[in-house]
């Protein structure tokens, strides 16, 4: 009878241990996911401001070129041509220039805490 209670107690402790480990895994995943989401949101906000700056600089450059060449449409056409050329270059190298750095940043963020624990 007493052995049965000890076995039952052992199973209760094992169940509790498994539940704690599952909760710990859930918290770890939530922490990593929230860190990645926060980093993505921060990057989006910064990129929006850079894009606004680029937009206004492009308009100013197009107007300046248009004034210099005598027609505003020529200035805007030149700026559009620069963007088209830049887009073609980025499209050709999108794997190396965009996809890999983004994947590396996300992976680095996901495993950042594990690297910190390994150093200690």
PDB file of N, CA and C in Angstrom:
ATOM      1  N   UNK A   1       0.823  -1.190   0.000  1.00  0.00           N
ATOM      2  CA  UNK A   1       0.000   0.000   0.000  1.00  0.00           C
ATOM      3  C   UNK A   1       0.865   1.251   0.000  1.00  0.00           C
ATOM      4  N   UNK A   2       1.886   1.231   0.839  1.00  0.00           N
ATOM      5  CA  UNK A   2       2.771   2.389   0.929  1.00  0.00           C
ATOM      6  C   UNK A   2       3.579   2.552  -0.365  1.00  0.00           C
ATOM      7  N   UNK A   3       3.956   1.456  -0.988  1.00  0.00           N
ATOM      8  CA  UNK A   3       4.682   1.505  -2.264  1.00  0.00           C
ATOM      9  C   UNK A   3       3.818   2.119  -3.354  1.00  0.00           C
ATOM     10  N   UNK A   4       2.530   1.804  -3.317  1.00  0.00           N
ATOM     11  CA  UNK A   4       1.607   2.355  -4.291  1.00  0.00           C
ATOM     12  C   UNK A   4       1.508   3.867  -4.152  1.00  0.00           C
ATOM     13  N   UNK A   5       1.479   4.371  -2.912  1.00  0.00           N
ATOM     14  CA  UNK A   5       1.443   5.821  -2.676  1.00  0.00           C
ATOM     15  C   UNK A   5       2.732   6.477  -3.150  1.00  0.00           C
ATOM     16  N   UNK A   6       3.869   5.810  -2.956  1.00  0.00           N
ATOM     17  CA  UNK A   6       5.147   6.367  -3.413  1.00  0.00           C
ATOM     18  C   UNK A   6       5.173   6.449  -4.939  1.00  0.00           C
ATOM     19  N   UNK A   7       4.681   5.423  -5.591  1.00  0.00           N
ATOM     20  CA  UNK A   7       4.636   5.432  -7.061  1.00  0.00           C
ATOM     21  C   UNK A   7       3.685   6.509  -7.553  1.00  0.00           C
ATOM     22  N   UNK A   8       2.544   6.623  -6.881  1.00  0.00           N
ATOM     23  CA  UNK A   8       1.575   7.662  -7.235  1.00  0.00           C
ATOM     24  C   UNK A   8       2.185   9.045  -7.038  1.00  0.00           C
ATOM     25  N   UNK A   9       2.898   9.231  -5.954  1.00  0.00           N
ATOM     26  CA  UNK A   9       3.578  10.498  -5.665  1.00  0.00           C
ATOM     27  C   UNK A   9       4.639  10.790  -6.729  1.00  0.00           C
ATOM     28  N   UNK A  10       5.364   9.742  -7.135  1.00  0.00           N
ATOM     29  CA  UNK A  10       6.383   9.895  -8.171  1.00  0.00           C
ATOM     30  C   UNK A  10       5.756  10.332  -9.489  1.00  0.00           C
ATOM     31  N   UNK A  11       4.616   9.733  -9.861  1.00  0.00           N
ATOM     32  CA  UNK A  11       3.917  10.122 -11.080  1.00  0.00           C
ATOM     33  C   UNK A  11       3.416  11.559 -10.999  1.00  0.00           C
ATOM     34  N   UNK A  12       2.934  11.959  -9.825  1.00  0.00           N
ATOM     35  CA  UNK A  12       2.480  13.346  -9.656  1.00  0.00           C
ATOM     36  C   UNK A  12       3.634  14.323  -9.853  1.00  0.00           C
ATOM     37  N   UNK A  13       4.787  14.006  -9.283  1.00  0.00           N
ATOM     38  CA  UNK A  13       5.959  14.868  -9.448  1.00  0.00           C
ATOM     39  C   UNK A  13       6.413  14.894 -10.907  1.00  0.00           C
ATOM     40  N   UNK A  14       6.385  13.763 -11.569  1.00  0.00           N
ATOM     41  CA  UNK A  14       6.776  13.702 -12.980  1.00  0.00           C
ATOM     42  C   UNK A  14       5.818  14.521 -13.833  1.00  0.00           C
ATOM     43  N   UNK A  15       4.512  14.404 -13.567  1.00  0.00           N
ATOM     44  CA  UNK A  15       3.511  15.179 -14.305  1.00  0.00           C
ATOM     45  C   UNK A  15       3.733  16.682 -14.081  1.00  0.00           C
ATOM     46  N   UNK A  16       3.984  17.056 -12.840  1.00  0.00           N
ATOM     47  CA  UNK A  16       4.234  18.457 -12.516  1.00  0.00           C
ATOM     48  C   UNK A  16       5.496  18.962 -13.220  1.00  0.00           C
ATOM     49  N   UNK A  17       6.538  18.136 -13.241  1.00  0.00           N
ATOM     50  CA  UNK A  17       7.789  18.503 -13.916  1.00  0.00           C
ATOM     51  C   UNK A  17       7.551  18.721 -15.411  1.00  0.00           C
ATOM     52  N   UNK A  18       6.812  17.823 -16.034  1.00  0.00           N
ATOM     53  CA  UNK A  18       6.521  17.958 -17.468  1.00  0.00           C
ATOM     54  C   UNK A  18       5.716  19.224 -17.717  1.00  0.00           C
ATOM     55  N   UNK A  19       4.729  19.499 -16.874  1.00  0.00           N
ATOM     56  CA  UNK A  19       3.927  20.712 -17.038  1.00  0.00           C
ATOM     57  C   UNK A  19       4.778  21.972 -16.905  1.00  0.00           C
ATOM     58  N   UNK A  20       5.699  21.971 -15.956  1.00  0.00           N
ATOM     59  CA  UNK A  20       6.580  23.130 -15.777  1.00  0.00           C
ATOM     60  C   UNK A  20       7.472  23.304 -17.004  1.00  0.00           C
ATOM     61  N   UNK A  21       8.003  22.200 -17.535  1.00  0.00           N
ATOM     62  CA  UNK A  21       8.866  22.275 -18.722  1.00  0.00           C
ATOM     63  C   UNK A  21       8.079  22.782 -19.945  1.00  0.00           C
ATOM     64  N   UNK A  22       6.834  22.346 -20.088  1.00  0.00           N
ATOM     65  CA  UNK A  22       5.998  22.813 -21.198  1.00  0.00           C
ATOM     66  C   UNK A  22       5.728  24.301 -21.051  1.00  0.00           C
ATOM     67  N   UNK A  23       5.411  24.737 -19.838  1.00  0.00           N
ATOM     68  CA  UNK A  23       5.178  26.164 -19.601  1.00  0.00           C
ATOM     69  C   UNK A  23       6.435  26.977 -19.878  1.00  0.00           C
ATOM     70  N   UNK A  24       7.586  26.450 -19.487  1.00  0.00           N
ATOM     71  CA  UNK A  24       8.846  27.134 -19.746  1.00  0.00           C
ATOM     72  C   UNK A  24       9.107  27.246 -21.245  1.00  0.00           C
ATOM     73  N   UNK A  25       8.815  26.201 -21.992  1.00  0.00           N
ATOM     74  CA  UNK A  25       8.997  26.236 -23.447  1.00  0.00           C
ATOM     75  C   UNK A  25       8.051  27.256 -24.077  1.00  0.00           C
ATOM     76  N   UNK A  26       6.804  27.297 -23.602  1.00  0.00           N
ATOM     77  CA  UNK A  26       5.845  28.275 -24.116  1.00  0.00           C
ATOM     78  C   UNK A  26       6.320  29.704 -23.851  1.00  0.00           C
ATOM     79  N   UNK A  27       6.807  29.953 -22.638  1.00  0.00           N
ATOM     80  CA  UNK A  27       7.296  31.295 -22.309  1.00  0.00           C
ATOM     81  C   UNK A  27       8.513  31.669 -23.148  1.00  0.00           C
ATOM     82  N   UNK A  28       9.406  30.713 -23.337  1.00  0.00           N
ATOM     83  CA  UNK A  28      10.585  30.973 -24.166  1.00  0.00           C
ATOM     84  C   UNK A  28      10.204  31.308 -25.595  1.00  0.00           C
ATOM     85  N   UNK A  29       9.251  30.543 -26.139  1.00  0.00           N
ATOM     86  CA  UNK A  29       8.785  30.798 -27.499  1.00  0.00           C
ATOM     87  C   UNK A  29       8.100  32.158 -27.593  1.00  0.00           C
ATOM     88  N   UNK A  30       7.280  32.481 -26.604  1.00  0.00           N
ATOM     89  CA  UNK A  30       6.601  33.782 -26.600  1.00  0.00           C
ATOM     90  C   UNK A  30       7.611  34.923 -26.520  1.00  0.00           C
ATOM     91  N   UNK A  31       8.650  34.752 -25.708  1.00  0.00           N
ATOM     92  CA  UNK A  31       9.676  35.787 -25.586  1.00  0.00           C
ATOM     93  C   UNK A  31      10.404  35.987 -26.914  1.00  0.00           C
ATOM     94  N   UNK A  32      10.778  34.896 -27.555  1.00  0.00           N
ATOM     95  CA  UNK A  32      11.494  35.000 -28.827  1.00  0.00           C
ATOM     96  C   UNK A  32      10.608  35.587 -29.915  1.00  0.00           C
ATOM     97  N   UNK A  33       9.365  35.143 -29.974  1.00  0.00           N
ATOM     98  CA  UNK A  33       8.442  35.662 -30.979  1.00  0.00           C
ATOM     99  C   UNK A  33       8.194  37.149 -30.780  1.00  0.00           C
ATOM    100  N   UNK A  34       8.014  37.571 -29.535  1.00  0.00           N
ATOM    101  CA  UNK A  34       7.780  38.994 -29.280  1.00  0.00           C
ATOM    102  C   UNK A  34       9.017  39.824 -29.608  1.00  0.00           C
ATOM    103  N   UNK A  35      10.212  39.276 -29.375  1.00  0.00           N
ATOM    104  CA  UNK A  35      11.435  40.004 -29.721  1.00  0.00           C
ATOM    105  C   UNK A  35      11.560  40.167 -31.231  1.00  0.00           C
ATOM    106  N   UNK A  36      11.242  39.122 -31.978  1.00  0.00           N
ATOM    107  CA  UNK A  36      11.302  39.210 -33.440  1.00  0.00           C
ATOM    108  C   UNK A  36      10.257  40.191 -33.957  1.00  0.00           C
ATOM    109  N   UNK A  37       9.047  40.120 -33.425  1.00  0.00           N
ATOM    110  CA  UNK A  37       7.979  41.028 -33.862  1.00  0.00           C
ATOM    111  C   UNK A  37       8.338  42.475 -33.529  1.00  0.00           C
ATOM    112  N   UNK A  38       8.898  42.713 -32.350  1.00  0.00           N
ATOM    113  CA  UNK A  38       9.305  44.070 -31.976  1.00  0.00           C
ATOM    114  C   UNK A  38      10.398  44.584 -32.905  1.00  0.00           C
ATOM    115  N   UNK A  39      11.340  43.718 -33.259  1.00  0.00           N
ATOM    116  CA  UNK A  39      12.407  44.134 -34.165  1.00  0.00           C
ATOM    117  C   UNK A  39      11.847  44.446 -35.552  1.00  0.00           C
ATOM    118  N   UNK A  40      10.911  43.637 -36.029  1.00  0.00           N
ATOM    119  CA  UNK A  40      10.299  43.882 -37.336  1.00  0.00           C
ATOM    120  C   UNK A  40       9.527  45.192 -37.327  1.00  0.00           C
ATOM    121  N   UNK A  41       8.775  45.456 -36.277  1.00  0.00           N
ATOM    122  CA  UNK A  41       8.010  46.705 -36.194  1.00  0.00           C
ATOM    123  C   UNK A  41       8.958  47.904 -36.143  1.00  0.00           C
ATOM    124  N   UNK A  42      10.032  47.797 -35.383  1.00  0.00           N
ATOM    125  CA  UNK A  42      10.998  48.893 -35.313  1.00  0.00           C
ATOM    126  C   UNK A  42      11.623  49.143 -36.679  1.00  0.00           C
ATOM    127  N   UNK A  43      11.952  48.068 -37.396  1.00  0.00           N
ATOM    128  CA  UNK A  43      12.531  48.229 -38.733  1.00  0.00           C
ATOM    129  C   UNK A  43      11.532  48.876 -39.687  1.00  0.00           C
ATOM    130  N   UNK A  44      10.267  48.500 -39.577  1.00  0.00           N
ATOM    131  CA  UNK A  44       9.245  49.085 -40.440  1.00  0.00           C
ATOM    132  C   UNK A  44       9.110  50.579 -40.183  1.00  0.00           C
ATOM    133  N   UNK A  45       9.065  50.967 -38.925  1.00  0.00           N
ATOM    134  CA  UNK A  45       8.934  52.389 -38.573  1.00  0.00           C
ATOM    135  C   UNK A  45      10.124  53.183 -39.099  1.00  0.00           C
ATOM    136  N   UNK A  46      11.339  52.687 -38.878  1.00  0.00           N
ATOM    137  CA  UNK A  46      12.537  53.379 -39.359  1.00  0.00           C
ATOM    138  C   UNK A  46      12.522  53.460 -40.882  1.00  0.00           C
ATOM    139  N   UNK A  47      12.150  52.360 -41.548  1.00  0.00           N
ATOM    140  CA  UNK A  47      12.128  52.352 -43.005  1.00  0.00           C
ATOM    141  C   UNK A  47      11.082  53.301 -43.574  1.00  0.00           C
ATOM    142  N   UNK A  48       9.962  53.451 -42.897  1.00  0.00           N
ATOM    143  CA  UNK A  48       8.946  54.403 -43.361  1.00  0.00           C
ATOM    144  C   UNK A  48       9.514  55.824 -43.353  1.00  0.00           C
ATOM    145  N   UNK A  49      10.237  56.186 -42.291  1.00  0.00           N
ATOM    146  CA  UNK A  49      10.820  57.526 -42.244  1.00  0.00           C
ATOM    147  C   UNK A  49      11.908  57.705 -43.304  1.00  0.00           C
ATOM    148  N   UNK A  50      12.713  56.667 -43.528  1.00  0.00           N
ATOM    149  CA  UNK A  50      13.713  56.753 -44.590  1.00  0.00           C
ATOM    150  C   UNK A  50      13.049  56.874 -45.957  1.00  0.00           C
ATOM    151  N   UNK A  51      11.957  56.136 -46.172  1.00  0.00           N
ATOM    152  CA  UNK A  51      11.255  56.222 -47.446  1.00  0.00           C
ATOM    153  C   UNK A  51      10.629  57.603 -47.650  1.00  0.00           C
ATOM    154  N   UNK A  52      10.096  58.188 -46.587  1.00  0.00           N
ATOM    155  CA  UNK A  52       9.559  59.546 -46.709  1.00  0.00           C
ATOM    156  C   UNK A  52      10.664  60.548 -47.063  1.00  0.00           C
ATOM    157  N   UNK A  53      11.799  60.389 -46.408  1.00  0.00           N
ATOM    158  CA  UNK A  53      12.940  61.247 -46.709  1.00  0.00           C
ATOM    159  C   UNK A  53      13.379  61.061 -48.167  1.00  0.00           C
ATOM    160  N   UNK A  54      13.448  59.817 -48.614  1.00  0.00           N
ATOM    161  CA  UNK A  54      13.831  59.522 -49.986  1.00  0.00           C
ATOM    162  C   UNK A  54      12.806  60.080 -50.975  1.00  0.00           C
ATOM    163  N   UNK A  55      11.538  59.983 -50.628  1.00  0.00           N
ATOM    164  CA  UNK A  55      10.483  60.512 -51.495  1.00  0.00           C
ATOM    165  C   UNK A  55      10.641  62.016 -51.694  1.00  0.00           C
ATOM    166  N   UNK A  56      10.799  62.747 -50.596  1.00  0.00           N
ATOM    167  CA  UNK A  56      10.918  64.199 -50.720  1.00  0.00           C
ATOM    168  C   UNK A  56      12.233  64.606 -51.382  1.00  0.00           C
ATOM    169  N   UNK A  57      13.299  63.873 -51.121  1.00  0.00           N
ATOM    170  CA  UNK A  57      14.566  64.157 -51.793  1.00  0.00           C
ATOM    171  C   UNK A  57      14.447  63.870 -53.284  1.00  0.00           C
ATOM    172  N   UNK A  58      13.718  62.836 -53.649  1.00  0.00           N
ATOM    173  CA  UNK A  58      13.517  62.506 -55.061  1.00  0.00           C
ATOM    174  C   UNK A  58      12.708  63.585 -55.770  1.00  0.00           C
ATOM    175  N   UNK A  59      11.675  64.050 -55.106  1.00  0.00           N
ATOM    176  CA  UNK A  59      10.864  65.128 -55.696  1.00  0.00           C
ATOM    177  C   UNK A  59      11.713  66.382 -55.877  1.00  0.00           C
ATOM    178  N   UNK A  60      12.496  66.717 -54.857  1.00  0.00           N
ATOM    179  CA  UNK A  60      13.358  67.900 -54.952  1.00  0.00           C
ATOM    180  C   UNK A  60      14.391  67.717 -56.071  1.00  0.00           C
ATOM    181  N   UNK A  61      14.980  66.538 -56.146  1.00  0.00           N
ATOM    182  CA  UNK A  61      15.956  66.279 -57.210  1.00  0.00           C
ATOM    183  C   UNK A  61      15.330  66.323 -58.587  1.00  0.00           C
ATOM    184  N   UNK A  62      14.138  65.759 -58.720  1.00  0.00           N
ATOM    185  CA  UNK A  62      13.448  65.770 -60.011  1.00  0.00           C
ATOM    186  C   UNK A  62      13.103  67.194 -60.421  1.00  0.00           C
ATOM    187  N   UNK A  63      12.642  68.002 -59.469  1.00  0.00           N
ATOM    188  CA  UNK A  63      12.325  69.398 -59.791  1.00  0.00           C
ATOM    189  C   UNK A  63      13.584  70.181 -60.156  1.00  0.00           C
ATOM    190  N   UNK A  64      14.684  69.907 -59.447  1.00  0.00           N
ATOM    191  CA  UNK A  64      15.941  70.595 -59.756  1.00  0.00           C
ATOM    192  C   UNK A  64      16.447  70.205 -61.141  1.00  0.00           C
ATOM    193  N   UNK A  65      16.428  68.907 -61.456  1.00  0.00           N
ATOM    194  CA  UNK A  65      16.851  68.467 -62.795  1.00  0.00           C
ATOM    195  C   UNK A  65      15.931  69.029 -63.875  1.00  0.00           C
ATOM    196  N   UNK A  66      14.620  69.037 -63.581  1.00  0.00           N
ATOM    197  CA  UNK A  66      13.668  69.592 -64.539  1.00  0.00           C
ATOM    198  C   UNK A  66      13.904  71.065 -64.796  1.00  0.00           C
ATOM    199  N   UNK A  67      14.218  71.804 -63.762  1.00  0.00           N
ATOM    200  CA  UNK A  67      14.500  73.220 -63.929  1.00  0.00           C
ATOM    201  C   UNK A  67      15.790  73.404 -64.735  1.00  0.00           C
ATOM    202  N   UNK A  68      16.766  72.555 -64.458  1.00  0.00           N
ATOM    203  CA  UNK A  68      18.063  72.652 -65.138  1.00  0.00           C
ATOM    204  C   UNK A  68      17.933  72.281 -66.616  1.00  0.00           C
ATOM    205  N   UNK A  69      17.103  71.280 -66.915  1.00  0.00           N
ATOM    206  CA  UNK A  69      16.934  70.830 -68.303  1.00  0.00           C
ATOM    207  C   UNK A  69      15.799  71.571 -69.015  1.00  0.00           C
ATOM    208  N   UNK A  70      15.036  72.359 -68.298  1.00  0.00           N
ATOM    209  CA  UNK A  70      13.999  73.163 -68.925  1.00  0.00           C
ATOM    210  C   UNK A  70      12.615  72.538 -68.915  1.00  0.00           C
ATOM    211  N   UNK A  71      12.479  71.277 -68.558  1.00  0.00           N
ATOM    212  CA  UNK A  71      11.173  70.609 -68.483  1.00  0.00           C
ATOM    213  C   UNK A  71      11.121  69.752 -67.210  1.00  0.00           C
ATOM    214  N   UNK A  72      10.075  69.972 -66.408  1.00  0.00           N
ATOM    215  CA  UNK A  72       9.944  69.192 -65.177  1.00  0.00           C
ATOM    216  C   UNK A  72       9.807  67.698 -65.457  1.00  0.00           C
ATOM    217  N   UNK A  73       9.119  67.351 -66.520  1.00  0.00           N
ATOM    218  CA  UNK A  73       8.906  65.936 -66.811  1.00  0.00           C
ATOM    219  C   UNK A  73      10.223  65.219 -67.083  1.00  0.00           C
ATOM    220  N   UNK A  74      11.209  65.935 -67.646  1.00  0.00           N
ATOM    221  CA  UNK A  74      12.516  65.301 -67.864  1.00  0.00           C
ATOM    222  C   UNK A  74      13.204  64.965 -66.538  1.00  0.00           C
ATOM    223  N   UNK A  75      13.069  65.835 -65.562  1.00  0.00           N
ATOM    224  CA  UNK A  75      13.644  65.569 -64.250  1.00  0.00           C
ATOM    225  C   UNK A  75      12.998  64.368 -63.579  1.00  0.00           C
ATOM    226  N   UNK A  76      11.667  64.312 -63.656  1.00  0.00           N
ATOM    227  CA  UNK A  76      10.975  63.164 -63.073  1.00  0.00           C
ATOM    228  C   UNK A  76      11.278  61.876 -63.838  1.00  0.00           C
ATOM    229  N   UNK A  77      11.425  61.971 -65.147  1.00  0.00           N
ATOM    230  CA  UNK A  77      11.783  60.807 -65.944  1.00  0.00           C
ATOM    231  C   UNK A  77      13.182  60.302 -65.575  1.00  0.00           C
ATOM    232  N   UNK A  78      14.117  61.214 -65.352  1.00  0.00           N
ATOM    233  CA  UNK A  78      15.473  60.813 -64.966  1.00  0.00           C
ATOM    234  C   UNK A  78      15.472  60.125 -63.600  1.00  0.00           C
ATOM    235  N   UNK A  79      14.737  60.677 -62.640  1.00  0.00           N
ATOM    236  CA  UNK A  79      14.660  60.064 -61.314  1.00  0.00           C
ATOM    237  C   UNK A  79      13.984  58.690 -61.406  1.00  0.00           C
ATOM    238  N   UNK A  80      12.938  58.588 -62.207  1.00  0.00           N
ATOM    239  CA  UNK A  80      12.276  57.289 -62.397  1.00  0.00           C
ATOM    240  C   UNK A  80      13.234  56.288 -63.033  1.00  0.00           C
ATOM    241  N   UNK A  81      14.061  56.744 -63.964  1.00  0.00           N
ATOM    242  CA  UNK A  81      15.053  55.862 -64.583  1.00  0.00           C
ATOM    243  C   UNK A  81      16.071  55.351 -63.575  1.00  0.00           C
ATOM    244  N   UNK A  82      16.488  56.222 -62.663  1.00  0.00           N
ATOM    245  CA  UNK A  82      17.425  55.805 -61.610  1.00  0.00           C
ATOM    246  C   UNK A  82      16.770  54.743 -60.727  1.00  0.00           C
ATOM    247  N   UNK A  83      15.499  54.954 -60.379  1.00  0.00           N
ATOM    248  CA  UNK A  83      14.791  53.968 -59.558  1.00  0.00           C
ATOM    249  C   UNK A  83      14.590  52.655 -60.313  1.00  0.00           C
ATOM    250  N   UNK A  84      14.309  52.744 -61.594  1.00  0.00           N
ATOM    251  CA  UNK A  84      14.152  51.537 -62.391  1.00  0.00           C
ATOM    252  C   UNK A  84      15.455  50.745 -62.435  1.00  0.00           C
ATOM    253  N   UNK A  85      16.561  51.418 -62.651  1.00  0.00           N
ATOM    254  CA  UNK A  85      17.865  50.753 -62.676  1.00  0.00           C
ATOM    255  C   UNK A  85      18.185  50.144 -61.306  1.00  0.00           C
ATOM    256  N   UNK A  86      17.917  50.882 -60.252  1.00  0.00           N
ATOM    257  CA  UNK A  86      18.137  50.365 -58.898  1.00  0.00           C
ATOM    258  C   UNK A  86      17.261  49.147 -58.630  1.00  0.00           C
ATOM    259  N   UNK A  87      16.014  49.195 -59.059  1.00  0.00           N
ATOM    260  CA  UNK A  87      15.105  48.061 -58.882  1.00  0.00           C
ATOM    261  C   UNK A  87      15.571  46.825 -59.626  1.00  0.00           C
ATOM    262  N   UNK A  88      16.090  47.009 -60.829  1.00  0.00           N
ATOM    263  CA  UNK A  88      16.599  45.875 -61.606  1.00  0.00           C
ATOM    264  C   UNK A  88      17.806  45.257 -60.905  1.00  0.00           C
ATOM    265  N   UNK A  89      18.688  46.078 -60.391  1.00  0.00           N
ATOM    266  CA  UNK A  89      19.876  45.573 -59.685  1.00  0.00           C
ATOM    267  C   UNK A  89      19.474  44.825 -58.418  1.00  0.00           C
ATOM    268  N   UNK A  90      18.534  45.389 -57.663  1.00  0.00           N
ATOM    269  CA  UNK A  90      18.081  44.742 -56.426  1.00  0.00           C
ATOM    270  C   UNK A  90      17.365  43.431 -56.749  1.00  0.00           C
ATOM    271  N   UNK A  91      16.565  43.426 -57.794  1.00  0.00           N
ATOM    272  CA  UNK A  91      15.865  42.185 -58.179  1.00  0.00           C
ATOM    273  C   UNK A  91      16.852  41.096 -58.566  1.00  0.00           C
ATOM    274  N   UNK A  92      17.901  41.469 -59.252  1.00  0.00           N
ATOM    275  CA  UNK A  92      18.893  40.481 -59.659  1.00  0.00           C
ATOM    276  C   UNK A  92      19.640  39.912 -58.456  1.00  0.00           C
ATOM    277  N   UNK A  93      19.875  40.723 -57.438  1.00  0.00           N
ATOM    278  CA  UNK A  93      20.629  40.266 -56.269  1.00  0.00           C
ATOM    279  C   UNK A  93      19.798  40.139 -55.020  1.00  0.00           C
ATOM    280  N   UNK A  94      18.484  39.932 -55.178  1.00  0.00           N
ATOM    281  CA  UNK A  94      17.596  39.921 -54.007  1.00  0.00           C
ATOM    282  C   UNK A  94      17.924  38.811 -53.019  1.00  0.00           C
ATOM    283  N   UNK A  95      18.387  37.675 -53.505  1.00  0.00           N
ATOM    284  CA  UNK A  95      18.738  36.569 -52.604  1.00  0.00           C
ATOM    285  C   UNK A  95      19.861  36.984 -51.663  1.00  0.00           C
ATOM    286  N   UNK A  96      20.916  37.542 -52.233  1.00  0.00           N
ATOM    287  CA  UNK A  96      22.090  37.905 -51.449  1.00  0.00           C
ATOM    288  C   UNK A  96      21.895  39.216 -50.694  1.00  0.00           C
ATOM    289  N   UNK A  97      21.144  40.149 -51.257  1.00  0.00           N
ATOM    290  CA  UNK A  97      21.029  41.483 -50.674  1.00  0.00           C
ATOM    291  C   UNK A  97      19.875  41.618 -49.675  1.00  0.00           C
ATOM    292  N   UNK A  98      18.831  40.814 -49.833  1.00  0.00           N
ATOM    293  CA  UNK A  98      17.646  40.998 -48.985  1.00  0.00           C
ATOM    294  C   UNK A  98      17.322  39.738 -48.190  1.00  0.00           C
ATOM    295  N   UNK A  99      17.097  38.638 -48.882  1.00  0.00           N
ATOM    296  CA  UNK A  99      16.602  37.429 -48.221  1.00  0.00           C
ATOM    297  C   UNK A  99      17.567  36.893 -47.167  1.00  0.00           C
ATOM    298  N   UNK A 100      18.820  36.720 -47.519  1.00  0.00           N
ATOM    299  CA  UNK A 100      19.784  36.150 -46.581  1.00  0.00           C
ATOM    300  C   UNK A 100      20.025  37.054 -45.364  1.00  0.00           C
ATOM    301  N   UNK A 101      20.236  38.366 -45.532  1.00  0.00           N
ATOM    302  CA  UNK A 101      20.411  39.206 -44.338  1.00  0.00           C
ATOM    303  C   UNK A 101      19.186  39.221 -43.415  1.00  0.00           C
ATOM    304  N   UNK A 102      17.984  39.195 -43.986  1.00  0.00           N
ATOM    305  CA  UNK A 102      16.777  39.180 -43.160  1.00  0.00           C
ATOM    306  C   UNK A 102      16.671  37.862 -42.402  1.00  0.00           C
ATOM    307  N   UNK A 103      16.921  36.759 -43.095  1.00  0.00           N
ATOM    308  CA  UNK A 103      16.880  35.452 -42.428  1.00  0.00           C
ATOM    309  C   UNK A 103      17.936  35.365 -41.328  1.00  0.00           C
ATOM    310  N   UNK A 104      19.136  35.843 -41.601  1.00  0.00           N
ATOM    311  CA  UNK A 104      20.200  35.814 -40.597  1.00  0.00           C
ATOM    312  C   UNK A 104      19.848  36.663 -39.381  1.00  0.00           C
ATOM    313  N   UNK A 105      19.236  37.820 -39.611  1.00  0.00           N
ATOM    314  CA  UNK A 105      18.857  38.684 -38.490  1.00  0.00           C
ATOM    315  C   UNK A 105      17.788  38.015 -37.621  1.00  0.00           C
ATOM    316  N   UNK A 106      16.824  37.364 -38.259  1.00  0.00           N
ATOM    317  CA  UNK A 106      15.775  36.691 -37.494  1.00  0.00           C
ATOM    318  C   UNK A 106      16.346  35.513 -36.720  1.00  0.00           C
ATOM    319  N   UNK A 107      17.207  34.721 -37.363  1.00  0.00           N
ATOM    320  CA  UNK A 107      17.813  33.574 -36.688  1.00  0.00           C
ATOM    321  C   UNK A 107      18.686  34.041 -35.531  1.00  0.00           C
ATOM    322  N   UNK A 108      19.456  35.113 -35.749  1.00  0.00           N
ATOM    323  CA  UNK A 108      20.301  35.664 -34.685  1.00  0.00           C
ATOM    324  C   UNK A 108      19.448  36.105 -33.500  1.00  0.00           C
ATOM    325  N   UNK A 109      18.306  36.724 -33.786  1.00  0.00           N
ATOM    326  CA  UNK A 109      17.414  37.183 -32.716  1.00  0.00           C
ATOM    327  C   UNK A 109      16.803  35.991 -31.976  1.00  0.00           C
ATOM    328  N   UNK A 110      16.440  34.947 -32.701  1.00  0.00           N
ATOM    329  CA  UNK A 110      15.825  33.786 -32.069  1.00  0.00           C
ATOM    330  C   UNK A 110      16.788  33.046 -31.155  1.00  0.00           C
ATOM    331  N   UNK A 111      18.069  32.990 -31.538  1.00  0.00           N
ATOM    332  CA  UNK A 111      19.030  32.235 -30.752  1.00  0.00           C
ATOM    333  C   UNK A 111      19.927  33.114 -29.890  1.00  0.00           C
ATOM    334  N   UNK A 112      19.571  34.374 -29.742  1.00  0.00           N
ATOM    335  CA  UNK A 112      20.377  35.306 -28.958  1.00  0.00           C
ATOM    336  C   UNK A 112      20.473  34.891 -27.499  1.00  0.00           C
ATOM    337  N   UNK A 113      19.380  34.517 -26.893  1.00  0.00           N
ATOM    338  CA  UNK A 113      19.385  34.141 -25.473  1.00  0.00           C
ATOM    339  C   UNK A 113      20.179  32.873 -25.241  1.00  0.00           C
ATOM    340  N   UNK A 114      20.117  31.921 -26.161  1.00  0.00           N
ATOM    341  CA  UNK A 114      20.870  30.681 -25.995  1.00  0.00           C
ATOM    342  C   UNK A 114      22.371  30.941 -26.061  1.00  0.00           C
ATOM    343  N   UNK A 115      22.798  31.870 -26.913  1.00  0.00           N
ATOM    344  CA  UNK A 115      24.224  32.215 -26.993  1.00  0.00           C
ATOM    345  C   UNK A 115      24.683  32.892 -25.713  1.00  0.00           C
ATOM    346  N   UNK A 116      23.816  33.742 -25.131  1.00  0.00           N
ATOM    347  CA  UNK A 116      24.167  34.407 -23.877  1.00  0.00           C
ATOM    348  C   UNK A 116      24.353  33.402 -22.746  1.00  0.00           C
ATOM    349  N   UNK A 117      23.491  32.373 -22.720  1.00  0.00           N
ATOM    350  CA  UNK A 117      23.608  31.348 -21.678  1.00  0.00           C
ATOM    351  C   UNK A 117      24.858  30.500 -21.866  1.00  0.00           C
ATOM    352  N   UNK A 118      25.243  30.246 -23.122  1.00  0.00           N
ATOM    353  CA  UNK A 118      26.425  29.429 -23.386  1.00  0.00           C
ATOM    354  C   UNK A 118      27.703  30.154 -22.978  1.00  0.00           C
ATOM    355  N   UNK A 119      27.725  31.487 -23.083  1.00  0.00           N
ATOM    356  CA  UNK A 119      28.917  32.263 -22.726  1.00  0.00           C
ATOM    357  C   UNK A 119      29.137  32.258 -21.221  1.00  0.00           C
ATOM    358  N   UNK A 120      28.056  32.149 -20.430  1.00  0.00           N
ATOM    359  CA  UNK A 120      28.186  32.202 -18.956  1.00  0.00           C
ATOM    360  C   UNK A 120      28.565  30.899 -18.418  1.00  0.00           C
TER     361      UNK A 120
END
